Amino acid sequence: MESISLLLGEALSPYQVKLTPSGAHGECLVTLKSTSGAIVVERTFNQAQLTDKRLLTDVVDGLHRDVLIAEGRLEPCVIAALRNAAQDKILASRN
């Protein structure tokens, strides 16, 4: 778990990353804090998402997007486009 924390910390710098076990099924709470210590983003992930390299890339991408949204650096129309793209990706994987 410590190596995952280091990877996330490196990928999401300058934010401080904290991983906390959460839930009975191996979930993990990921907390990103600003340099001033304020919580910017908190999300819970399944353990598998943090141990699989491909899924971990998706986690980092999602956290990056969440930081941009939390800081107001991502416009609402872009958020809607991202949601539509994610929905299209889900539908395509089902076929």
PDB file of N, CA and C in Angstrom:
ATOM      1  N   MET A   1       0.839  -1.203   0.000  1.00  0.00           N
ATOM      2  CA  MET A   1       0.000   0.000   0.000  1.00  0.00           C
ATOM      3  C   MET A   1       0.873   1.252   0.000  1.00  0.00           C
ATOM      4  N   GLU A   2       2.024   1.152   0.644  1.00  0.00           N
ATOM      5  CA  GLU A   2       2.909   2.317   0.707  1.00  0.00           C
ATOM      6  C   GLU A   2       3.439   2.686  -0.674  1.00  0.00           C
ATOM      7  N   SER A   3       3.742   1.675  -1.509  1.00  0.00           N
ATOM      8  CA  SER A   3       4.238   1.962  -2.848  1.00  0.00           C
ATOM      9  C   SER A   3       3.161   2.637  -3.698  1.00  0.00           C
ATOM     10  N   ILE A   4       1.906   2.250  -3.502  1.00  0.00           N
ATOM     11  CA  ILE A   4       0.797   2.885  -4.220  1.00  0.00           C
ATOM     12  C   ILE A   4       0.674   4.333  -3.786  1.00  0.00           C
ATOM     13  N   SER A   5       0.818   4.582  -2.504  1.00  0.00           N
ATOM     14  CA  SER A   5       0.758   5.946  -1.981  1.00  0.00           C
ATOM     15  C   SER A   5       1.864   6.802  -2.589  1.00  0.00           C
ATOM     16  N   LEU A   6       3.064   6.230  -2.710  1.00  0.00           N
ATOM     17  CA  LEU A   6       4.182   6.961  -3.313  1.00  0.00           C
ATOM     18  C   LEU A   6       3.914   7.258  -4.787  1.00  0.00           C
ATOM     19  N   LEU A   7       3.381   6.280  -5.511  1.00  0.00           N
ATOM     20  CA  LEU A   7       3.053   6.488  -6.927  1.00  0.00           C
ATOM     21  C   LEU A   7       2.001   7.580  -7.103  1.00  0.00           C
ATOM     22  N   LEU A   8       0.951   7.506  -6.281  1.00  0.00           N
ATOM     23  CA  LEU A   8      -0.094   8.520  -6.362  1.00  0.00           C
ATOM     24  C   LEU A   8       0.454   9.892  -5.985  1.00  0.00           C
ATOM     25  N   GLY A   9       1.285   9.939  -4.956  1.00  0.00           N
ATOM     26  CA  GLY A   9       1.882  11.205  -4.534  1.00  0.00           C
ATOM     27  C   GLY A   9       2.719  11.836  -5.628  1.00  0.00           C
ATOM     28  N   GLU A  10       3.469  10.998  -6.335  1.00  0.00           N
ATOM     29  CA  GLU A  10       4.300  11.493  -7.429  1.00  0.00           C
ATOM     30  C   GLU A  10       3.438  11.972  -8.603  1.00  0.00           C
ATOM     31  N   ALA A  11       2.400  11.212  -8.920  1.00  0.00           N
ATOM     32  CA  ALA A  11       1.540  11.550 -10.060  1.00  0.00           C
ATOM     33  C   ALA A  11       0.670  12.769  -9.786  1.00  0.00           C
ATOM     34  N   LEU A  12       0.345  13.014  -8.520  1.00  0.00           N
ATOM     35  CA  LEU A  12      -0.591  14.087  -8.181  1.00  0.00           C
ATOM     36  C   LEU A  12       0.083  15.251  -7.457  1.00  0.00           C
ATOM     37  N   SER A  13       1.385  15.312  -7.539  1.00  0.00           N
ATOM     38  CA  SER A  13       2.123  16.412  -6.919  1.00  0.00           C
ATOM     39  C   SER A  13       1.621  17.739  -7.479  1.00  0.00           C
ATOM     40  N   PRO A  14       1.452  18.761  -6.704  1.00  0.00           N
ATOM     41  CA  PRO A  14       1.967  19.050  -5.378  1.00  0.00           C
ATOM     42  C   PRO A  14       1.007  18.662  -4.247  1.00  0.00           C
ATOM     43  N   TYR A  15      -0.047  17.900  -4.550  1.00  0.00           N
ATOM     44  CA  TYR A  15      -1.022  17.532  -3.524  1.00  0.00           C
ATOM     45  C   TYR A  15      -0.478  16.426  -2.639  1.00  0.00           C
ATOM     46  N   GLN A  16      -0.825  16.482  -1.367  1.00  0.00           N
ATOM     47  CA  GLN A  16      -0.456  15.431  -0.421  1.00  0.00           C
ATOM     48  C   GLN A  16      -1.498  14.336  -0.530  1.00  0.00           C
ATOM     49  N   VAL A  17      -1.034  13.104  -0.683  1.00  0.00           N
ATOM     50  CA  VAL A  17      -1.933  11.962  -0.853  1.00  0.00           C
ATOM     51  C   VAL A  17      -1.912  11.111   0.410  1.00  0.00           C
ATOM     52  N   LYS A  18      -3.105  10.770   0.886  1.00  0.00           N
ATOM     53  CA  LYS A  18      -3.220   9.891   2.046  1.00  0.00           C
ATOM     54  C   LYS A  18      -4.172   8.762   1.699  1.00  0.00           C
ATOM     55  N   LEU A  19      -3.749   7.522   1.942  1.00  0.00           N
ATOM     56  CA  LEU A  19      -4.585   6.347   1.719  1.00  0.00           C
ATOM     57  C   LEU A  19      -5.007   5.795   3.071  1.00  0.00           C
ATOM     58  N   THR A  20      -6.304   5.560   3.222  1.00  0.00           N
ATOM     59  CA  THR A  20      -6.836   5.042   4.472  1.00  0.00           C
ATOM     60  C   THR A  20      -7.764   3.874   4.164  1.00  0.00           C
ATOM     61  N   PRO A  21      -7.539   2.706   4.789  1.00  0.00           N
ATOM     62  CA  PRO A  21      -8.478   1.595   4.585  1.00  0.00           C
ATOM     63  C   PRO A  21      -9.888   2.038   4.963  1.00  0.00           C
ATOM     64  N   SER A  22     -10.864   1.624   4.150  1.00  0.00           N
ATOM     65  CA  SER A  22     -12.233   2.082   4.372  1.00  0.00           C
ATOM     66  C   SER A  22     -13.200   1.021   3.861  1.00  0.00           C
ATOM     67  N   GLY A  23     -13.979   0.473   4.722  1.00  0.00           N
ATOM     68  CA  GLY A  23     -14.984  -0.491   4.292  1.00  0.00           C
ATOM     69  C   GLY A  23     -14.561  -1.924   4.550  1.00  0.00           C
ATOM     70  N   ALA A  24     -15.550  -2.804   4.515  1.00  0.00           N
ATOM     71  CA  ALA A  24     -15.332  -4.211   4.827  1.00  0.00           C
ATOM     72  C   ALA A  24     -14.838  -5.027   3.640  1.00  0.00           C
ATOM     73  N   HIS A  25     -14.875  -4.450   2.456  1.00  0.00           N
ATOM     74  CA  HIS A  25     -14.509  -5.199   1.254  1.00  0.00           C
ATOM     75  C   HIS A  25     -13.198  -4.715   0.641  1.00  0.00           C
ATOM     76  N   GLY A  26     -12.332  -4.155   1.455  1.00  0.00           N
ATOM     77  CA  GLY A  26     -11.015  -3.736   0.976  1.00  0.00           C
ATOM     78  C   GLY A  26     -10.985  -2.392   0.284  1.00  0.00           C
ATOM     79  N   GLU A  27     -12.014  -1.585   0.473  1.00  0.00           N
ATOM     80  CA  GLU A  27     -12.004  -0.265  -0.134  1.00  0.00           C
ATOM     81  C   GLU A  27     -10.934   0.600   0.526  1.00  0.00           C
ATOM     82  N   CYS A  28     -10.542   1.649  -0.189  1.00  0.00           N
ATOM     83  CA  CYS A  28      -9.522   2.548   0.318  1.00  0.00           C
ATOM     84  C   CYS A  28      -9.942   3.991   0.034  1.00  0.00           C
ATOM     85  N   LEU A  29      -9.883   4.822   1.054  1.00  0.00           N
ATOM     86  CA  LEU A  29     -10.200   6.237   0.912  1.00  0.00           C
ATOM     87  C   LEU A  29      -8.926   6.975   0.511  1.00  0.00           C
ATOM     88  N   VAL A  30      -8.994   7.672  -0.604  1.00  0.00           N
ATOM     89  CA  VAL A  30      -7.867   8.479  -1.070  1.00  0.00           C
ATOM     90  C   VAL A  30      -8.216   9.940  -0.804  1.00  0.00           C
ATOM     91  N   THR A  31      -7.359  10.612  -0.050  1.00  0.00           N
ATOM     92  CA  THR A  31      -7.564  12.011   0.290  1.00  0.00           C
ATOM     93  C   THR A  31      -6.423  12.825  -0.297  1.00  0.00           C
ATOM     94  N   LEU A  32      -6.787  13.870  -1.050  1.00  0.00           N
ATOM     95  CA  LEU A  32      -5.796  14.803  -1.584  1.00  0.00           C
ATOM     96  C   LEU A  32      -5.924  16.106  -0.832  1.00  0.00           C
ATOM     97  N   LYS A  33      -4.783  16.573  -0.318  1.00  0.00           N
ATOM     98  CA  LYS A  33      -4.766  17.834   0.413  1.00  0.00           C
ATOM     99  C   LYS A  33      -3.856  18.817  -0.312  1.00  0.00           C
ATOM    100  N   SER A  34      -4.220  20.096  -0.223  1.00  0.00           N
ATOM    101  CA  SER A  34      -3.389  21.148  -0.800  1.00  0.00           C
ATOM    102  C   SER A  34      -2.155  21.328   0.073  1.00  0.00           C
ATOM    103  N   THR A  35      -1.229  22.150  -0.381  1.00  0.00           N
ATOM    104  CA  THR A  35      -0.024  22.412   0.406  1.00  0.00           C
ATOM    105  C   THR A  35      -0.343  23.094   1.723  1.00  0.00           C
ATOM    106  N   SER A  36      -1.508  23.741   1.805  1.00  0.00           N
ATOM    107  CA  SER A  36      -1.917  24.386   3.059  1.00  0.00           C
ATOM    108  C   SER A  36      -2.623  23.409   4.003  1.00  0.00           C
ATOM    109  N   GLY A  37      -2.863  22.162   3.535  1.00  0.00           N
ATOM    110  CA  GLY A  37      -3.502  21.146   4.367  1.00  0.00           C
ATOM    111  C   GLY A  37      -4.998  21.026   4.195  1.00  0.00           C
ATOM    112  N   ALA A  38      -5.589  21.829   3.316  1.00  0.00           N
ATOM    113  CA  ALA A  38      -7.028  21.759   3.069  1.00  0.00           C
ATOM    114  C   ALA A  38      -7.352  20.556   2.173  1.00  0.00           C
ATOM    115  N   ILE A  39      -8.415  19.832   2.503  1.00  0.00           N
ATOM    116  CA  ILE A  39      -8.833  18.698   1.686  1.00  0.00           C
ATOM    117  C   ILE A  39      -9.420  19.228   0.381  1.00  0.00           C
ATOM    118  N   VAL A  40      -8.859  18.743  -0.727  1.00  0.00           N
ATOM    119  CA  VAL A  40      -9.318  19.159  -2.053  1.00  0.00           C
ATOM    120  C   VAL A  40     -10.273  18.105  -2.620  1.00  0.00           C
ATOM    121  N   VAL A  41      -9.902  16.832  -2.487  1.00  0.00           N
ATOM    122  CA  VAL A  41     -10.702  15.733  -3.027  1.00  0.00           C
ATOM    123  C   VAL A  41     -10.586  14.533  -2.090  1.00  0.00           C
ATOM    124  N   GLU A  42     -11.720  13.860  -1.887  1.00  0.00           N
ATOM    125  CA  GLU A  42     -11.744  12.573  -1.182  1.00  0.00           C
ATOM    126  C   GLU A  42     -12.591  11.614  -1.995  1.00  0.00           C
ATOM    127  N   ARG A  43     -12.017  10.457  -2.288  1.00  0.00           N
ATOM    128  CA  ARG A  43     -12.761   9.441  -3.034  1.00  0.00           C
ATOM    129  C   ARG A  43     -12.414   8.066  -2.513  1.00  0.00           C
ATOM    130  N   THR A  44     -13.367   7.171  -2.587  1.00  0.00           N
ATOM    131  CA  THR A  44     -13.147   5.791  -2.178  1.00  0.00           C
ATOM    132  C   THR A  44     -12.984   4.922  -3.413  1.00  0.00           C
ATOM    133  N   PHE A  45     -11.980   4.052  -3.378  1.00  0.00           N
ATOM    134  CA  PHE A  45     -11.693   3.151  -4.492  1.00  0.00           C
ATOM    135  C   PHE A  45     -11.631   1.720  -3.996  1.00  0.00           C
ATOM    136  N   ASN A  46     -11.953   0.802  -4.881  1.00  0.00           N
ATOM    137  CA  ASN A  46     -11.806  -0.611  -4.623  1.00  0.00           C
ATOM    138  C   ASN A  46     -10.316  -0.939  -4.647  1.00  0.00           C
ATOM    139  N   GLN A  47      -9.888  -1.877  -3.830  1.00  0.00           N
ATOM    140  CA  GLN A  47      -8.477  -2.257  -3.760  1.00  0.00           C
ATOM    141  C   GLN A  47      -7.936  -2.656  -5.135  1.00  0.00           C
ATOM    142  N   ALA A  48      -8.753  -3.331  -5.945  1.00  0.00           N
ATOM    143  CA  ALA A  48      -8.322  -3.772  -7.271  1.00  0.00           C
ATOM    144  C   ALA A  48      -7.949  -2.590  -8.161  1.00  0.00           C
ATOM    145  N   GLN A  49      -8.649  -1.471  -8.003  1.00  0.00           N
ATOM    146  CA  GLN A  49      -8.350  -0.290  -8.810  1.00  0.00           C
ATOM    147  C   GLN A  49      -6.971   0.277  -8.484  1.00  0.00           C
ATOM    148  N   LEU A  50      -6.496   0.029  -7.292  1.00  0.00           N
ATOM    149  CA  LEU A  50      -5.206   0.582  -6.877  1.00  0.00           C
ATOM    150  C   LEU A  50      -4.050  -0.383  -7.104  1.00  0.00           C
ATOM    151  N   THR A  51      -4.344  -1.647  -7.352  1.00  0.00           N
ATOM    152  CA  THR A  51      -3.270  -2.613  -7.545  1.00  0.00           C
ATOM    153  C   THR A  51      -3.054  -2.990  -9.010  1.00  0.00           C
ATOM    154  N   ASP A  52      -4.028  -2.769  -9.855  1.00  0.00           N
ATOM    155  CA  ASP A  52      -3.891  -3.040 -11.286  1.00  0.00           C
ATOM    156  C   ASP A  52      -3.353  -1.792 -11.973  1.00  0.00           C
ATOM    157  N   LYS A  53      -2.275  -1.947 -12.732  1.00  0.00           N
ATOM    158  CA  LYS A  53      -1.592  -0.792 -13.336  1.00  0.00           C
ATOM    159  C   LYS A  53      -2.512   0.016 -14.253  1.00  0.00           C
ATOM    160  N   ARG A  54      -3.291  -0.664 -15.076  1.00  0.00           N
ATOM    161  CA  ARG A  54      -4.199   0.028 -15.999  1.00  0.00           C
ATOM    162  C   ARG A  54      -5.295   0.774 -15.245  1.00  0.00           C
ATOM    163  N   LEU A  55      -5.849   0.125 -14.225  1.00  0.00           N
ATOM    164  CA  LEU A  55      -6.895   0.760 -13.441  1.00  0.00           C
ATOM    165  C   LEU A  55      -6.348   1.912 -12.610  1.00  0.00           C
ATOM    166  N   LEU A  56      -5.110   1.780 -12.143  1.00  0.00           N
ATOM    167  CA  LEU A  56      -4.484   2.852 -11.371  1.00  0.00           C
ATOM    168  C   LEU A  56      -4.316   4.110 -12.234  1.00  0.00           C
ATOM    169  N   THR A  57      -4.032   3.915 -13.509  1.00  0.00           N
ATOM    170  CA  THR A  57      -3.944   5.048 -14.438  1.00  0.00           C
ATOM    171  C   THR A  57      -5.290   5.759 -14.523  1.00  0.00           C
ATOM    172  N   ASP A  58      -6.374   4.994 -14.567  1.00  0.00           N
ATOM    173  CA  ASP A  58      -7.723   5.578 -14.590  1.00  0.00           C
ATOM    174  C   ASP A  58      -8.014   6.330 -13.292  1.00  0.00           C
ATOM    175  N   VAL A  59      -7.549   5.787 -12.177  1.00  0.00           N
ATOM    176  CA  VAL A  59      -7.734   6.451 -10.881  1.00  0.00           C
ATOM    177  C   VAL A  59      -7.040   7.805 -10.880  1.00  0.00           C
ATOM    178  N   VAL A  60      -5.798   7.830 -11.352  1.00  0.00           N
ATOM    179  CA  VAL A  60      -5.040   9.086 -11.391  1.00  0.00           C
ATOM    180  C   VAL A  60      -5.727  10.086 -12.318  1.00  0.00           C
ATOM    181  N   ASP A  61      -6.162   9.636 -13.484  1.00  0.00           N
ATOM    182  CA  ASP A  61      -6.860  10.529 -14.413  1.00  0.00           C
ATOM    183  C   ASP A  61      -8.130  11.099 -13.772  1.00  0.00           C
ATOM    184  N   GLY A  62      -8.885  10.251 -13.094  1.00  0.00           N
ATOM    185  CA  GLY A  62     -10.103  10.706 -12.431  1.00  0.00           C
ATOM    186  C   GLY A  62      -9.818  11.695 -11.311  1.00  0.00           C
ATOM    187  N   LEU A  63      -8.779  11.429 -10.536  1.00  0.00           N
ATOM    188  CA  LEU A  63      -8.419  12.352  -9.457  1.00  0.00           C
ATOM    189  C   LEU A  63      -7.947  13.694 -10.010  1.00  0.00           C
ATOM    190  N   HIS A  64      -7.196  13.635 -11.120  1.00  0.00           N
ATOM    191  CA  HIS A  64      -6.771  14.879 -11.770  1.00  0.00           C
ATOM    192  C   HIS A  64      -7.985  15.703 -12.183  1.00  0.00           C
ATOM    193  N   ARG A  65      -8.958  15.048 -12.806  1.00  0.00           N
ATOM    194  CA  ARG A  65     -10.181  15.726 -13.224  1.00  0.00           C
ATOM    195  C   ARG A  65     -10.924  16.296 -12.018  1.00  0.00           C
ATOM    196  N   ASP A  66     -11.010  15.523 -10.948  1.00  0.00           N
ATOM    197  CA  ASP A  66     -11.701  15.986  -9.747  1.00  0.00           C
ATOM    198  C   ASP A  66     -11.024  17.207  -9.134  1.00  0.00           C
ATOM    199  N   VAL A  67      -9.703  17.244  -9.172  1.00  0.00           N
ATOM    200  CA  VAL A  67      -8.959  18.404  -8.662  1.00  0.00           C
ATOM    201  C   VAL A  67      -9.265  19.634  -9.508  1.00  0.00           C
ATOM    202  N   LEU A  68      -9.277  19.457 -10.827  1.00  0.00           N
ATOM    203  CA  LEU A  68      -9.574  20.583 -11.716  1.00  0.00           C
ATOM    204  C   LEU A  68     -10.980  21.122 -11.454  1.00  0.00           C
ATOM    205  N   ILE A  69     -11.921  20.229 -11.240  1.00  0.00           N
ATOM    206  CA  ILE A  69     -13.293  20.639 -10.951  1.00  0.00           C
ATOM    207  C   ILE A  69     -13.357  21.346  -9.602  1.00  0.00           C
ATOM    208  N   ALA A  70     -12.726  20.758  -8.588  1.00  0.00           N
ATOM    209  CA  ALA A  70     -12.753  21.331  -7.231  1.00  0.00           C
ATOM    210  C   ALA A  70     -12.125  22.724  -7.195  1.00  0.00           C
ATOM    211  N   GLU A  71     -11.121  22.931  -8.021  1.00  0.00           N
ATOM    212  CA  GLU A  71     -10.443  24.233  -8.046  1.00  0.00           C
ATOM    213  C   GLU A  71     -11.080  25.203  -9.031  1.00  0.00           C
ATOM    214  N   GLY A  72     -12.137  24.772  -9.701  1.00  0.00           N
ATOM    215  CA  GLY A  72     -12.826  25.654 -10.636  1.00  0.00           C
ATOM    216  C   GLY A  72     -12.066  25.899 -11.924  1.00  0.00           C
ATOM    217  N   ARG A  73     -11.162  24.985 -12.263  1.00  0.00           N
ATOM    218  CA  ARG A  73     -10.366  25.158 -13.486  1.00  0.00           C
ATOM    219  C   ARG A  73     -10.913  24.361 -14.659  1.00  0.00           C
ATOM    220  N   LEU A  74     -12.060  23.714 -14.455  1.00  0.00           N
ATOM    221  CA  LEU A  74     -12.693  22.945 -15.515  1.00  0.00           C
ATOM    222  C   LEU A  74     -14.107  23.464 -15.689  1.00  0.00           C
ATOM    223  N   GLU A  75     -14.444  23.883 -16.885  1.00  0.00           N
ATOM    224  CA  GLU A  75     -15.745  24.481 -17.183  1.00  0.00           C
ATOM    225  C   GLU A  75     -16.856  23.433 -17.165  1.00  0.00           C
ATOM    226  N   PRO A  76     -18.064  23.832 -16.798  1.00  0.00           N
ATOM    227  CA  PRO A  76     -19.190  22.884 -16.755  1.00  0.00           C
ATOM    228  C   PRO A  76     -19.444  22.176 -18.090  1.00  0.00           C
ATOM    229  N   CYS A  77     -19.250  22.858 -19.213  1.00  0.00           N
ATOM    230  CA  CYS A  77     -19.492  22.213 -20.500  1.00  0.00           C
ATOM    231  C   CYS A  77     -18.471  21.098 -20.747  1.00  0.00           C
ATOM    232  N   VAL A  78     -17.252  21.262 -20.243  1.00  0.00           N
ATOM    233  CA  VAL A  78     -16.233  20.231 -20.381  1.00  0.00           C
ATOM    234  C   VAL A  78     -16.583  19.044 -19.487  1.00  0.00           C
ATOM    235  N   ILE A  79     -17.100  19.330 -18.314  1.00  0.00           N
ATOM    236  CA  ILE A  79     -17.525  18.262 -17.404  1.00  0.00           C
ATOM    237  C   ILE A  79     -18.611  17.421 -18.074  1.00  0.00           C
ATOM    238  N   ALA A  80     -19.574  18.078 -18.698  1.00  0.00           N
ATOM    239  CA  ALA A  80     -20.653  17.362 -19.388  1.00  0.00           C
ATOM    240  C   ALA A  80     -20.093  16.517 -20.531  1.00  0.00           C
ATOM    241  N   ALA A  81     -19.143  17.048 -21.280  1.00  0.00           N
ATOM    242  CA  ALA A  81     -18.532  16.294 -22.376  1.00  0.00           C
ATOM    243  C   ALA A  81     -17.774  15.079 -21.844  1.00  0.00           C
ATOM    244  N   LEU A  82     -17.080  15.236 -20.719  1.00  0.00           N
ATOM    245  CA  LEU A  82     -16.367  14.113 -20.108  1.00  0.00           C
ATOM    246  C   LEU A  82     -17.339  13.030 -19.645  1.00  0.00           C
ATOM    247  N   ARG A  83     -18.451  13.445 -19.071  1.00  0.00           N
ATOM    248  CA  ARG A  83     -19.456  12.475 -18.625  1.00  0.00           C
ATOM    249  C   ARG A  83     -20.026  11.711 -19.811  1.00  0.00           C
ATOM    250  N   ASN A  84     -20.308  12.424 -20.894  1.00  0.00           N
ATOM    251  CA  ASN A  84     -20.838  11.768 -22.088  1.00  0.00           C
ATOM    252  C   ASN A  84     -19.825  10.789 -22.666  1.00  0.00           C
ATOM    253  N   ALA A  85     -18.561  11.181 -22.698  1.00  0.00           N
ATOM    254  CA  ALA A  85     -17.514  10.296 -23.207  1.00  0.00           C
ATOM    255  C   ALA A  85     -17.390   9.054 -22.333  1.00  0.00           C
ATOM    256  N   ALA A  86     -17.473   9.223 -21.017  1.00  0.00           N
ATOM    257  CA  ALA A  86     -17.401   8.080 -20.104  1.00  0.00           C
ATOM    258  C   ALA A  86     -18.599   7.160 -20.309  1.00  0.00           C
ATOM    259  N   GLN A  87     -19.758   7.741 -20.494  1.00  0.00           N
ATOM    260  CA  GLN A  87     -20.964   6.947 -20.728  1.00  0.00           C
ATOM    261  C   GLN A  87     -20.854   6.174 -22.033  1.00  0.00           C
ATOM    262  N   ASP A  88     -20.338   6.809 -23.088  1.00  0.00           N
ATOM    263  CA  ASP A  88     -20.130   6.140 -24.368  1.00  0.00           C
ATOM    264  C   ASP A  88     -19.153   4.983 -24.205  1.00  0.00           C
ATOM    265  N   LYS A  89     -18.100   5.187 -23.405  1.00  0.00           N
ATOM    266  CA  LYS A  89     -17.099   4.155 -23.170  1.00  0.00           C
ATOM    267  C   LYS A  89     -17.730   2.949 -22.455  1.00  0.00           C
ATOM    268  N   ILE A  90     -18.600   3.211 -21.497  1.00  0.00           N
ATOM    269  CA  ILE A  90     -19.283   2.132 -20.771  1.00  0.00           C
ATOM    270  C   ILE A  90     -20.186   1.356 -21.715  1.00  0.00           C
ATOM    271  N   LEU A  91     -20.942   2.083 -22.532  1.00  0.00           N
ATOM    272  CA  LEU A  91     -21.857   1.430 -23.460  1.00  0.00           C
ATOM    273  C   LEU A  91     -21.090   0.609 -24.499  1.00  0.00           C
ATOM    274  N   ALA A  92     -19.959   1.120 -24.973  1.00  0.00           N
ATOM    275  CA  ALA A  92     -19.160   0.415 -25.962  1.00  0.00           C
ATOM    276  C   ALA A  92     -18.558  -0.866 -25.380  1.00  0.00           C
ATOM    277  N   SER A  93     -18.188  -0.831 -24.108  1.00  0.00           N
ATOM    278  CA  SER A  93     -17.592  -2.022 -23.484  1.00  0.00           C
ATOM    279  C   SER A  93     -18.623  -3.124 -23.253  1.00  0.00           C
ATOM    280  N   ARG A  94     -19.879  -2.769 -23.214  1.00  0.00           N
ATOM    281  CA  ARG A  94     -20.939  -3.760 -23.001  1.00  0.00           C
ATOM    282  C   ARG A  94     -21.277  -4.508 -24.290  1.00  0.00           C
ATOM    283  N   ASN A  95     -20.920  -3.933 -25.416  1.00  0.00           N
ATOM    284  CA  ASN A  95     -21.258  -4.551 -26.720  1.00  0.00           C
ATOM    285  C   ASN A  95     -20.202  -5.512 -27.169  1.00  0.00           C
TER     286      ASN A  95
END
